[in-house]
Amino acid sequence: MVNVHNFLRLGSVFFTSFFLFSLFFASNCLALETFKISAVRYSKAFACHSVIGDARRKAISLCKKKGDKKLNYDTYDVPIVCEWEDVSGGDRKNPKFKATIEVKYECRDEND
């Protein structure tokens, strides 16, 4: 009977530890800042490629404005699939596509 109580106590310790770790991890993920960015180009692929590069440059710039901090690439989250919108207005000779993504980023100190 003592072994059963020890096993239950050990299980509750593991559950509590897991719960606290999950809570810390979830709150850490929620600390990421987000922004949406768009780019308009003549093809879907070029628009998506451009908006991903623009997003990285904007995130780096935003971190520099926060006191010369650097972008934390471990938590930098950029989707590889863009949301598309045809903005050419029916002009088949000059097609234009707007790609939009939502970026999540975090800044870190120079010393980290």
PDB file of N, CA and C in Angstrom:
ATOM      1  N   MET A   1       0.817  -1.191   0.000  1.00  0.00           N
ATOM      2  CA  MET A   1       0.000   0.000   0.000  1.00  0.00           C
ATOM      3  C   MET A   1       0.867   1.264   0.000  1.00  0.00           C
ATOM      4  N   VAL A   2       1.997   1.177   0.684  1.00  0.00           N
ATOM      5  CA  VAL A   2       2.900   2.324   0.733  1.00  0.00           C
ATOM      6  C   VAL A   2       3.455   2.610  -0.662  1.00  0.00           C
ATOM      7  N   ASN A   3       3.734   1.544  -1.416  1.00  0.00           N
ATOM      8  CA  ASN A   3       4.260   1.735  -2.770  1.00  0.00           C
ATOM      9  C   ASN A   3       3.249   2.435  -3.676  1.00  0.00           C
ATOM     10  N   VAL A   4       1.966   2.134  -3.495  1.00  0.00           N
ATOM     11  CA  VAL A   4       0.929   2.773  -4.296  1.00  0.00           C
ATOM     12  C   VAL A   4       0.878   4.269  -3.994  1.00  0.00           C
ATOM     13  N   HIS A   5       0.962   4.629  -2.706  1.00  0.00           N
ATOM     14  CA  HIS A   5       0.946   6.051  -2.338  1.00  0.00           C
ATOM     15  C   HIS A   5       2.178   6.774  -2.872  1.00  0.00           C
ATOM     16  N   ASN A   6       3.339   6.118  -2.799  1.00  0.00           N
ATOM     17  CA  ASN A   6       4.561   6.729  -3.329  1.00  0.00           C
ATOM     18  C   ASN A   6       4.462   6.911  -4.844  1.00  0.00           C
ATOM     19  N   PHE A   7       3.883   5.917  -5.512  1.00  0.00           N
ATOM     20  CA  PHE A   7       3.715   6.004  -6.961  1.00  0.00           C
ATOM     21  C   PHE A   7       2.775   7.150  -7.334  1.00  0.00           C
ATOM     22  N   LEU A   8       1.669   7.283  -6.592  1.00  0.00           N
ATOM     23  CA  LEU A   8       0.732   8.375  -6.858  1.00  0.00           C
ATOM     24  C   LEU A   8       1.366   9.733  -6.573  1.00  0.00           C
ATOM     25  N   ARG A   9       2.144   9.806  -5.508  1.00  0.00           N
ATOM     26  CA  ARG A   9       2.820  11.058  -5.173  1.00  0.00           C
ATOM     27  C   ARG A   9       3.836  11.414  -6.261  1.00  0.00           C
ATOM     28  N   LEU A  10       4.566  10.415  -6.734  1.00  0.00           N
ATOM     29  CA  LEU A  10       5.543  10.648  -7.793  1.00  0.00           C
ATOM     30  C   LEU A  10       4.845  11.088  -9.081  1.00  0.00           C
ATOM     31  N   GLY A  11       3.713  10.474  -9.376  1.00  0.00           N
ATOM     32  CA  GLY A  11       2.950  10.858 -10.563  1.00  0.00           C
ATOM     33  C   GLY A  11       2.452  12.290 -10.482  1.00  0.00           C
ATOM     34  N   SER A  12       2.001  12.695  -9.294  1.00  0.00           N
ATOM     35  CA  SER A  12       1.525  14.076  -9.153  1.00  0.00           C
ATOM     36  C   SER A  12       2.673  15.072  -9.282  1.00  0.00           C
ATOM     37  N   VAL A  13       3.873  14.698  -8.839  1.00  0.00           N
ATOM     38  CA  VAL A  13       5.042  15.572  -8.988  1.00  0.00           C
ATOM     39  C   VAL A  13       5.372  15.734 -10.467  1.00  0.00           C
ATOM     40  N   PHE A  14       5.371  14.642 -11.223  1.00  0.00           N
ATOM     41  CA  PHE A  14       5.647  14.722 -12.657  1.00  0.00           C
ATOM     42  C   PHE A  14       4.582  15.546 -13.379  1.00  0.00           C
ATOM     43  N   PHE A  15       3.320  15.327 -13.021  1.00  0.00           N
ATOM     44  CA  PHE A  15       2.242  16.074 -13.657  1.00  0.00           C
ATOM     45  C   PHE A  15       2.370  17.565 -13.372  1.00  0.00           C
ATOM     46  N   THR A  16       2.651  17.911 -12.114  1.00  0.00           N
ATOM     47  CA  THR A  16       2.813  19.319 -11.745  1.00  0.00           C
ATOM     48  C   THR A  16       3.994  19.936 -12.471  1.00  0.00           C
ATOM     49  N   SER A  17       5.099  19.209 -12.561  1.00  0.00           N
ATOM     50  CA  SER A  17       6.278  19.722 -13.264  1.00  0.00           C
ATOM     51  C   SER A  17       5.968  19.939 -14.738  1.00  0.00           C
ATOM     52  N   PHE A  18       5.289  18.981 -15.351  1.00  0.00           N
ATOM     53  CA  PHE A  18       4.922  19.109 -16.760  1.00  0.00           C
ATOM     54  C   PHE A  18       3.991  20.293 -16.978  1.00  0.00           C
ATOM     55  N   PHE A  19       3.025  20.456 -16.074  1.00  0.00           N
ATOM     56  CA  PHE A  19       2.083  21.567 -16.181  1.00  0.00           C
ATOM     57  C   PHE A  19       2.799  22.909 -16.075  1.00  0.00           C
ATOM     58  N   LEU A  20       3.702  23.048 -15.115  1.00  0.00           N
ATOM     59  CA  LEU A  20       4.435  24.304 -14.947  1.00  0.00           C
ATOM     60  C   LEU A  20       5.344  24.574 -16.141  1.00  0.00           C
ATOM     61  N   PHE A  21       5.995  23.525 -16.657  1.00  0.00           N
ATOM     62  CA  PHE A  21       6.841  23.688 -17.835  1.00  0.00           C
ATOM     63  C   PHE A  21       6.008  24.120 -19.036  1.00  0.00           C
ATOM     64  N   SER A  22       4.841  23.504 -19.214  1.00  0.00           N
ATOM     65  CA  SER A  22       3.953  23.867 -20.326  1.00  0.00           C
ATOM     66  C   SER A  22       3.466  25.301 -20.192  1.00  0.00           C
ATOM     67  N   LEU A  23       3.152  25.700 -18.979  1.00  0.00           N
ATOM     68  CA  LEU A  23       2.694  27.060 -18.742  1.00  0.00           C
ATOM     69  C   LEU A  23       3.793  28.062 -19.052  1.00  0.00           C
ATOM     70  N   PHE A  24       5.024  27.770 -18.641  1.00  0.00           N
ATOM     71  CA  PHE A  24       6.152  28.654 -18.929  1.00  0.00           C
ATOM     72  C   PHE A  24       6.401  28.727 -20.426  1.00  0.00           C
ATOM     73  N   PHE A  25       6.374  27.578 -21.110  1.00  0.00           N
ATOM     74  CA  PHE A  25       6.624  27.555 -22.548  1.00  0.00           C
ATOM     75  C   PHE A  25       5.539  28.313 -23.299  1.00  0.00           C
ATOM     76  N   ALA A  26       4.295  28.140 -22.886  1.00  0.00           N
ATOM     77  CA  ALA A  26       3.187  28.830 -23.558  1.00  0.00           C
ATOM     78  C   ALA A  26       3.289  30.332 -23.358  1.00  0.00           C
ATOM     79  N   SER A  27       3.636  30.771 -22.165  1.00  0.00           N
ATOM     80  CA  SER A  27       3.752  32.209 -21.938  1.00  0.00           C
ATOM     81  C   SER A  27       4.948  32.775 -22.680  1.00  0.00           C
ATOM     82  N   ASN A  28       5.995  31.972 -22.854  1.00  0.00           N
ATOM     83  CA  ASN A  28       7.166  32.420 -23.595  1.00  0.00           C
ATOM     84  C   ASN A  28       6.820  32.568 -25.078  1.00  0.00           C
ATOM     85  N   CYS A  29       6.015  31.670 -25.614  1.00  0.00           N
ATOM     86  CA  CYS A  29       5.612  31.762 -27.016  1.00  0.00           C
ATOM     87  C   CYS A  29       4.689  32.957 -27.248  1.00  0.00           C
ATOM     88  N   LEU A  30       3.889  33.282 -26.255  1.00  0.00           N
ATOM     89  CA  LEU A  30       2.986  34.409 -26.408  1.00  0.00           C
ATOM     90  C   LEU A  30       3.724  35.740 -26.355  1.00  0.00           C
ATOM     91  N   ALA A  31       4.980  35.726 -25.932  1.00  0.00           N
ATOM     92  CA  ALA A  31       5.754  36.961 -25.833  1.00  0.00           C
ATOM     93  C   ALA A  31       6.250  37.434 -27.197  1.00  0.00           C
ATOM     94  N   LEU A  32       6.094  36.629 -28.218  1.00  0.00           N
ATOM     95  CA  LEU A  32       6.549  37.025 -29.547  1.00  0.00           C
ATOM     96  C   LEU A  32       5.681  38.156 -30.085  1.00  0.00           C
ATOM     97  N   GLU A  33       6.330  39.117 -30.701  1.00  0.00           N
ATOM     98  CA  GLU A  33       5.609  40.218 -31.326  1.00  0.00           C
ATOM     99  C   GLU A  33       5.283  39.824 -32.765  1.00  0.00           C
ATOM    100  N   THR A  34       4.215  40.385 -33.297  1.00  0.00           N
ATOM    101  CA  THR A  34       3.795  40.024 -34.653  1.00  0.00           C
ATOM    102  C   THR A  34       3.540  41.278 -35.489  1.00  0.00           C
ATOM    103  N   PHE A  35       3.672  41.100 -36.778  1.00  0.00           N
ATOM    104  CA  PHE A  35       3.256  42.127 -37.732  1.00  0.00           C
ATOM    105  C   PHE A  35       2.915  41.444 -39.045  1.00  0.00           C
ATOM    106  N   LYS A  36       2.064  42.106 -39.828  1.00  0.00           N
ATOM    107  CA  LYS A  36       1.720  41.631 -41.168  1.00  0.00           C
ATOM    108  C   LYS A  36       2.434  42.509 -42.174  1.00  0.00           C
ATOM    109  N   ILE A  37       2.861  41.897 -43.253  1.00  0.00           N
ATOM    110  CA  ILE A  37       3.577  42.627 -44.295  1.00  0.00           C
ATOM    111  C   ILE A  37       3.140  42.079 -45.651  1.00  0.00           C
ATOM    112  N   SER A  38       3.102  42.951 -46.644  1.00  0.00           N
ATOM    113  CA  SER A  38       2.670  42.572 -47.993  1.00  0.00           C
ATOM    114  C   SER A  38       3.652  43.090 -49.031  1.00  0.00           C
ATOM    115  N   ALA A  39       3.636  42.443 -50.185  1.00  0.00           N
ATOM    116  CA  ALA A  39       4.427  42.887 -51.332  1.00  0.00           C
ATOM    117  C   ALA A  39       3.623  42.607 -52.594  1.00  0.00           C
ATOM    118  N   VAL A  40       3.700  43.515 -53.550  1.00  0.00           N
ATOM    119  CA  VAL A  40       3.009  43.362 -54.833  1.00  0.00           C
ATOM    120  C   VAL A  40       4.065  43.194 -55.917  1.00  0.00           C
ATOM    121  N   ARG A  41       3.963  42.081 -56.666  1.00  0.00           N
ATOM    122  CA  ARG A  41       4.914  41.796 -57.744  1.00  0.00           C
ATOM    123  C   ARG A  41       4.153  41.194 -58.923  1.00  0.00           C
ATOM    124  N   TYR A  42       4.864  40.949 -60.009  1.00  0.00           N
ATOM    125  CA  TYR A  42       4.240  40.470 -61.245  1.00  0.00           C
ATOM    126  C   TYR A  42       3.965  38.970 -61.256  1.00  0.00           C
ATOM    127  N   SER A  43       4.481  38.218 -60.292  1.00  0.00           N
ATOM    128  CA  SER A  43       4.167  36.787 -60.213  1.00  0.00           C
ATOM    129  C   SER A  43       3.965  36.394 -58.757  1.00  0.00           C
ATOM    130  N   LYS A  44       3.236  35.303 -58.546  1.00  0.00           N
ATOM    131  CA  LYS A  44       2.968  34.841 -57.184  1.00  0.00           C
ATOM    132  C   LYS A  44       4.251  34.446 -56.468  1.00  0.00           C
ATOM    133  N   ALA A  45       5.108  33.709 -57.157  1.00  0.00           N
ATOM    134  CA  ALA A  45       6.348  33.240 -56.532  1.00  0.00           C
ATOM    135  C   ALA A  45       7.261  34.410 -56.173  1.00  0.00           C
ATOM    136  N   PHE A  46       7.382  35.374 -57.064  1.00  0.00           N
ATOM    137  CA  PHE A  46       8.247  36.525 -56.802  1.00  0.00           C
ATOM    138  C   PHE A  46       7.686  37.377 -55.668  1.00  0.00           C
ATOM    139  N   ALA A  47       6.366  37.501 -55.595  1.00  0.00           N
ATOM    140  CA  ALA A  47       5.747  38.274 -54.514  1.00  0.00           C
ATOM    141  C   ALA A  47       6.002  37.618 -53.165  1.00  0.00           C
ATOM    142  N   CYS A  48       5.867  36.303 -53.104  1.00  0.00           N
ATOM    143  CA  CYS A  48       6.092  35.588 -51.846  1.00  0.00           C
ATOM    144  C   CYS A  48       7.563  35.663 -51.440  1.00  0.00           C
ATOM    145  N   HIS A  49       8.450  35.462 -52.402  1.00  0.00           N
ATOM    146  CA  HIS A  49       9.885  35.542 -52.129  1.00  0.00           C
ATOM    147  C   HIS A  49      10.258  36.938 -51.625  1.00  0.00           C
ATOM    148  N   SER A  50       9.708  37.952 -52.235  1.00  0.00           N
ATOM    149  CA  SER A  50      10.010  39.328 -51.844  1.00  0.00           C
ATOM    150  C   SER A  50       9.485  39.657 -50.455  1.00  0.00           C
ATOM    151  N   VAL A  51       8.268  39.217 -50.157  1.00  0.00           N
ATOM    152  CA  VAL A  51       7.684  39.562 -48.861  1.00  0.00           C
ATOM    153  C   VAL A  51       8.424  38.861 -47.724  1.00  0.00           C
ATOM    154  N   ILE A  52       8.956  37.674 -47.955  1.00  0.00           N
ATOM    155  CA  ILE A  52       9.727  36.982 -46.918  1.00  0.00           C
ATOM    156  C   ILE A  52      11.025  37.740 -46.636  1.00  0.00           C
ATOM    157  N   GLY A  53      11.693  38.205 -47.676  1.00  0.00           N
ATOM    158  CA  GLY A  53      12.904  39.005 -47.482  1.00  0.00           C
ATOM    159  C   GLY A  53      12.615  40.343 -46.828  1.00  0.00           C
ATOM    160  N   ASP A  54      11.525  40.986 -47.247  1.00  0.00           N
ATOM    161  CA  ASP A  54      11.136  42.262 -46.640  1.00  0.00           C
ATOM    162  C   ASP A  54      10.806  42.089 -45.160  1.00  0.00           C
ATOM    163  N   ALA A  55      10.189  40.959 -44.816  1.00  0.00           N
ATOM    164  CA  ALA A  55       9.826  40.700 -43.421  1.00  0.00           C
ATOM    165  C   ALA A  55      11.069  40.571 -42.546  1.00  0.00           C
ATOM    166  N   ARG A  56      12.079  39.878 -43.042  1.00  0.00           N
ATOM    167  CA  ARG A  56      13.314  39.730 -42.265  1.00  0.00           C
ATOM    168  C   ARG A  56      13.978  41.086 -42.051  1.00  0.00           C
ATOM    169  N   ARG A  57      14.043  41.888 -43.100  1.00  0.00           N
ATOM    170  CA  ARG A  57      14.654  43.213 -42.968  1.00  0.00           C
ATOM    171  C   ARG A  57      13.865  44.105 -42.008  1.00  0.00           C
ATOM    172  N   LYS A  58      12.533  44.015 -42.050  1.00  0.00           N
ATOM    173  CA  LYS A  58      11.719  44.822 -41.147  1.00  0.00           C
ATOM    174  C   LYS A  58      11.896  44.374 -39.703  1.00  0.00           C
ATOM    175  N   ALA A  59      11.956  43.060 -39.459  1.00  0.00           N
ATOM    176  CA  ALA A  59      12.149  42.560 -38.094  1.00  0.00           C
ATOM    177  C   ALA A  59      13.504  43.001 -37.540  1.00  0.00           C
ATOM    178  N   ILE A  60      14.537  42.944 -38.370  1.00  0.00           N
ATOM    179  CA  ILE A  60      15.866  43.402 -37.942  1.00  0.00           C
ATOM    180  C   ILE A  60      15.817  44.889 -37.608  1.00  0.00           C
ATOM    181  N   SER A  61      15.148  45.671 -38.433  1.00  0.00           N
ATOM    182  CA  SER A  61      15.033  47.113 -38.205  1.00  0.00           C
ATOM    183  C   SER A  61      14.267  47.417 -36.920  1.00  0.00           C
ATOM    184  N   LEU A  62      13.185  46.685 -36.677  1.00  0.00           N
ATOM    185  CA  LEU A  62      12.409  46.904 -35.457  1.00  0.00           C
ATOM    186  C   LEU A  62      13.227  46.579 -34.211  1.00  0.00           C
ATOM    187  N   CYS A  63      14.059  45.551 -34.286  1.00  0.00           N
ATOM    188  CA  CYS A  63      14.904  45.204 -33.141  1.00  0.00           C
ATOM    189  C   CYS A  63      15.973  46.268 -32.908  1.00  0.00           C
ATOM    190  N   LYS A  64      16.530  46.806 -33.971  1.00  0.00           N
ATOM    191  CA  LYS A  64      17.542  47.867 -33.821  1.00  0.00           C
ATOM    192  C   LYS A  64      16.949  49.107 -33.174  1.00  0.00           C
ATOM    193  N   LYS A  65      15.676  49.394 -33.478  1.00  0.00           N
ATOM    194  CA  LYS A  65      15.020  50.558 -32.887  1.00  0.00           C
ATOM    195  C   LYS A  65      14.755  50.376 -31.396  1.00  0.00           C
ATOM    196  N   LYS A  66      14.803  49.149 -30.916  1.00  0.00           N
ATOM    197  CA  LYS A  66      14.556  48.868 -29.497  1.00  0.00           C
ATOM    198  C   LYS A  66      15.847  48.869 -28.697  1.00  0.00           C
ATOM    199  N   GLY A  67      16.764  49.693 -29.051  1.00  0.00           N
ATOM    200  CA  GLY A  67      17.999  49.809 -28.282  1.00  0.00           C
ATOM    201  C   GLY A  67      19.097  48.900 -28.773  1.00  0.00           C
ATOM    202  N   ASP A  68      19.320  48.864 -30.057  1.00  0.00           N
ATOM    203  CA  ASP A  68      20.379  48.045 -30.664  1.00  0.00           C
ATOM    204  C   ASP A  68      20.296  46.573 -30.271  1.00  0.00           C
ATOM    205  N   LYS A  69      19.095  46.030 -30.257  1.00  0.00           N
ATOM    206  CA  LYS A  69      18.936  44.598 -30.012  1.00  0.00           C
ATOM    207  C   LYS A  69      19.025  43.862 -31.336  1.00  0.00           C
ATOM    208  N   LYS A  70      19.223  42.547 -31.250  1.00  0.00           N
ATOM    209  CA  LYS A  70      19.319  41.720 -32.452  1.00  0.00           C
ATOM    210  C   LYS A  70      18.109  40.806 -32.551  1.00  0.00           C
ATOM    211  N   LEU A  71      17.826  40.394 -33.766  1.00  0.00           N
ATOM    212  CA  LEU A  71      16.731  39.471 -34.014  1.00  0.00           C
ATOM    213  C   LEU A  71      17.113  38.091 -33.507  1.00  0.00           C
ATOM    214  N   ASN A  72      16.227  37.471 -32.741  1.00  0.00           N
ATOM    215  CA  ASN A  72      16.454  36.122 -32.232  1.00  0.00           C
ATOM    216  C   ASN A  72      15.965  35.131 -33.294  1.00  0.00           C
ATOM    217  N   TYR A  73      16.899  34.563 -34.039  1.00  0.00           N
ATOM    218  CA  TYR A  73      16.534  33.659 -35.131  1.00  0.00           C
ATOM    219  C   TYR A  73      15.996  32.318 -34.627  1.00  0.00           C
ATOM    220  N   ASP A  74      16.220  31.995 -33.345  1.00  0.00           N
ATOM    221  CA  ASP A  74      15.684  30.749 -32.795  1.00  0.00           C
ATOM    222  C   ASP A  74      14.162  30.808 -32.686  1.00  0.00           C
ATOM    223  N   THR A  75      13.613  31.998 -32.481  1.00  0.00           N
ATOM    224  CA  THR A  75      12.165  32.137 -32.335  1.00  0.00           C
ATOM    225  C   THR A  75      11.523  32.870 -33.509  1.00  0.00           C
ATOM    226  N   TYR A  76      12.310  33.254 -34.498  1.00  0.00           N
ATOM    227  CA  TYR A  76      11.802  33.975 -35.672  1.00  0.00           C
ATOM    228  C   TYR A  76      10.930  33.024 -36.484  1.00  0.00           C
ATOM    229  N   ASP A  77       9.677  33.404 -36.703  1.00  0.00           N
ATOM    230  CA  ASP A  77       8.714  32.516 -37.358  1.00  0.00           C
ATOM    231  C   ASP A  77       8.121  33.207 -38.584  1.00  0.00           C
ATOM    232  N   VAL A  78       8.473  32.689 -39.743  1.00  0.00           N
ATOM    233  CA  VAL A  78       7.955  33.213 -41.009  1.00  0.00           C
ATOM    234  C   VAL A  78       7.301  32.062 -41.761  1.00  0.00           C
ATOM    235  N   PRO A  79       6.043  32.202 -42.152  1.00  0.00           N
ATOM    236  CA  PRO A  79       5.419  31.126 -42.924  1.00  0.00           C
ATOM    237  C   PRO A  79       6.021  31.039 -44.321  1.00  0.00           C
ATOM    238  N   ILE A  80       6.070  29.839 -44.857  1.00  0.00           N
ATOM    239  CA  ILE A  80       6.610  29.667 -46.206  1.00  0.00           C
ATOM    240  C   ILE A  80       5.499  29.675 -47.252  1.00  0.00           C
ATOM    241  N   VAL A  81       4.258  29.716 -46.798  1.00  0.00           N
ATOM    242  CA  VAL A  81       3.114  29.799 -47.699  1.00  0.00           C
ATOM    243  C   VAL A  81       2.476  31.172 -47.508  1.00  0.00           C
ATOM    244  N   CYS A  82       2.304  31.888 -48.583  1.00  0.00           N
ATOM    245  CA  CYS A  82       1.758  33.245 -48.526  1.00  0.00           C
ATOM    246  C   CYS A  82       0.267  33.242 -48.851  1.00  0.00           C
ATOM    247  N   GLU A  83      -0.427  34.247 -48.351  1.00  0.00           N
ATOM    248  CA  GLU A  83      -1.814  34.484 -48.747  1.00  0.00           C
ATOM    249  C   GLU A  83      -1.780  35.312 -50.029  1.00  0.00           C
ATOM    250  N   TRP A  84      -2.514  34.876 -51.045  1.00  0.00           N
ATOM    251  CA  TRP A  84      -2.467  35.523 -52.359  1.00  0.00           C
ATOM    252  C   TRP A  84      -3.688  36.372 -52.603  1.00  0.00           C
ATOM    253  N   GLU A  85      -3.471  37.405 -53.409  1.00  0.00           N
ATOM    254  CA  GLU A  85      -4.575  38.231 -53.881  1.00  0.00           C
ATOM    255  C   GLU A  85      -4.178  38.785 -55.246  1.00  0.00           C
ATOM    256  N   ASP A  86      -5.056  38.641 -56.204  1.00  0.00           N
ATOM    257  CA  ASP A  86      -4.812  39.186 -57.543  1.00  0.00           C
ATOM    258  C   ASP A  86      -5.255  40.646 -57.535  1.00  0.00           C
ATOM    259  N   VAL A  87      -4.302  41.550 -57.724  1.00  0.00           N
ATOM    260  CA  VAL A  87      -4.609  42.985 -57.689  1.00  0.00           C
ATOM    261  C   VAL A  87      -4.400  43.637 -59.057  1.00  0.00           C
ATOM    262  N   SER A  88      -4.395  42.828 -60.106  1.00  0.00           N
ATOM    263  CA  SER A  88      -4.164  43.377 -61.449  1.00  0.00           C
ATOM    264  C   SER A  88      -5.404  44.051 -62.017  1.00  0.00           C
ATOM    265  N   GLY A  89      -6.548  43.818 -61.427  1.00  0.00           N
ATOM    266  CA  GLY A  89      -7.773  44.463 -61.902  1.00  0.00           C
ATOM    267  C   GLY A  89      -8.229  43.971 -63.260  1.00  0.00           C
ATOM    268  N   GLY A  90      -7.939  42.723 -63.593  1.00  0.00           N
ATOM    269  CA  GLY A  90      -8.361  42.164 -64.871  1.00  0.00           C
ATOM    270  C   GLY A  90      -7.417  42.446 -66.020  1.00  0.00           C
ATOM    271  N   ASP A  91      -6.332  43.135 -65.784  1.00  0.00           N
ATOM    272  CA  ASP A  91      -5.351  43.443 -66.828  1.00  0.00           C
ATOM    273  C   ASP A  91      -4.459  42.220 -67.024  1.00  0.00           C
ATOM    274  N   ARG A  92      -4.659  41.484 -68.122  1.00  0.00           N
ATOM    275  CA  ARG A  92      -3.898  40.251 -68.358  1.00  0.00           C
ATOM    276  C   ARG A  92      -2.480  40.532 -68.846  1.00  0.00           C
ATOM    277  N   LYS A  93      -2.240  41.714 -69.387  1.00  0.00           N
ATOM    278  CA  LYS A  93      -0.900  42.038 -69.878  1.00  0.00           C
ATOM    279  C   LYS A  93       0.045  42.421 -68.749  1.00  0.00           C
ATOM    280  N   ASN A  94      -0.497  42.971 -67.691  1.00  0.00           N
ATOM    281  CA  ASN A  94       0.314  43.384 -66.544  1.00  0.00           C
ATOM    282  C   ASN A  94      -0.253  42.772 -65.262  1.00  0.00           C
ATOM    283  N   PRO A  95      -0.042  41.471 -65.076  1.00  0.00           N
ATOM    284  CA  PRO A  95      -0.581  40.846 -63.866  1.00  0.00           C
ATOM    285  C   PRO A  95       0.175  41.323 -62.625  1.00  0.00           C
ATOM    286  N   LYS A  96      -0.557  41.469 -61.539  1.00  0.00           N
ATOM    287  CA  LYS A  96       0.041  41.852 -60.262  1.00  0.00           C
ATOM    288  C   LYS A  96      -0.584  41.002 -59.170  1.00  0.00           C
ATOM    289  N   PHE A  97       0.281  40.486 -58.310  1.00  0.00           N
ATOM    290  CA  PHE A  97      -0.172  39.651 -57.214  1.00  0.00           C
ATOM    291  C   PHE A  97       0.343  40.216 -55.899  1.00  0.00           C
ATOM    292  N   LYS A  98      -0.534  40.208 -54.918  1.00  0.00           N
ATOM    293  CA  LYS A  98      -0.177  40.702 -53.588  1.00  0.00           C
ATOM    294  C   LYS A  98      -0.027  39.499 -52.662  1.00  0.00           C
ATOM    295  N   ALA A  99       1.151  39.365 -52.067  1.00  0.00           N
ATOM    296  CA  ALA A  99       1.418  38.292 -51.109  1.00  0.00           C
ATOM    297  C   ALA A  99       1.489  38.905 -49.716  1.00  0.00           C
ATOM    298  N   THR A 100       0.808  38.279 -48.768  1.00  0.00           N
ATOM    299  CA  THR A 100       0.778  38.774 -47.395  1.00  0.00           C
ATOM    300  C   THR A 100       1.136  37.641 -46.451  1.00  0.00           C
ATOM    301  N   ILE A 101       1.977  37.946 -45.451  1.00  0.00           N
ATOM    302  CA  ILE A 101       2.321  36.971 -44.417  1.00  0.00           C
ATOM    303  C   ILE A 101       2.263  37.650 -43.056  1.00  0.00           C
ATOM    304  N   GLU A 102       2.102  36.835 -42.020  1.00  0.00           N
ATOM    305  CA  GLU A 102       2.178  37.318 -40.643  1.00  0.00           C
ATOM    306  C   GLU A 102       3.455  36.767 -40.034  1.00  0.00           C
ATOM    307  N   VAL A 103       4.267  37.651 -39.487  1.00  0.00           N
ATOM    308  CA  VAL A 103       5.584  37.300 -38.973  1.00  0.00           C
ATOM    309  C   VAL A 103       5.574  37.408 -37.457  1.00  0.00           C
ATOM    310  N   LYS A 104       6.189  36.422 -36.797  1.00  0.00           N
ATOM    311  CA  LYS A 104       6.368  36.463 -35.345  1.00  0.00           C
ATOM    312  C   LYS A 104       7.858  36.555 -35.072  1.00  0.00           C
ATOM    313  N   TYR A 105       8.227  37.484 -34.203  1.00  0.00           N
ATOM    314  CA  TYR A 105       9.648  37.680 -33.943  1.00  0.00           C
ATOM    315  C   TYR A 105       9.881  38.078 -32.491  1.00  0.00           C
ATOM    316  N   GLU A 106      11.131  37.984 -32.089  1.00  0.00           N
ATOM    317  CA  GLU A 106      11.543  38.370 -30.749  1.00  0.00           C
ATOM    318  C   GLU A 106      12.936  38.977 -30.849  1.00  0.00           C
ATOM    319  N   CYS A 107      13.174  40.008 -30.094  1.00  0.00           N
ATOM    320  CA  CYS A 107      14.488  40.650 -30.079  1.00  0.00           C
ATOM    321  C   CYS A 107      15.263  40.180 -28.848  1.00  0.00           C
ATOM    322  N   ARG A 108      16.574  40.156 -28.979  1.00  0.00           N
ATOM    323  CA  ARG A 108      17.423  39.772 -27.848  1.00  0.00           C
ATOM    324  C   ARG A 108      18.551  40.781 -27.717  1.00  0.00           C
ATOM    325  N   ASP A 109      19.177  40.783 -26.549  1.00  0.00           N
ATOM    326  CA  ASP A 109      20.300  41.685 -26.313  1.00  0.00           C
ATOM    327  C   ASP A 109      21.521  41.218 -27.079  1.00  0.00           C
ATOM    328  N   GLU A 110      22.455  42.109 -27.251  1.00  0.00           N
ATOM    329  CA  GLU A 110      23.702  41.788 -27.959  1.00  0.00           C
ATOM    330  C   GLU A 110      24.472  40.679 -27.254  1.00  0.00           C
ATOM    331  N   ASN A 111      24.393  40.622 -25.931  1.00  0.00           N
ATOM    332  CA  ASN A 111      25.202  39.686 -25.145  1.00  0.00           C
ATOM    333  C   ASN A 111      24.641  38.274 -25.116  1.00  0.00           C
ATOM    334  N   ASP A 112      23.398  38.097 -25.507  1.00  0.00           N
ATOM    335  CA  ASP A 112      22.772  36.760 -25.434  1.00  0.00           C
ATOM    336  C   ASP A 112      23.292  35.849 -26.509  1.00  0.00           C
TER     337      ASP A 112
END
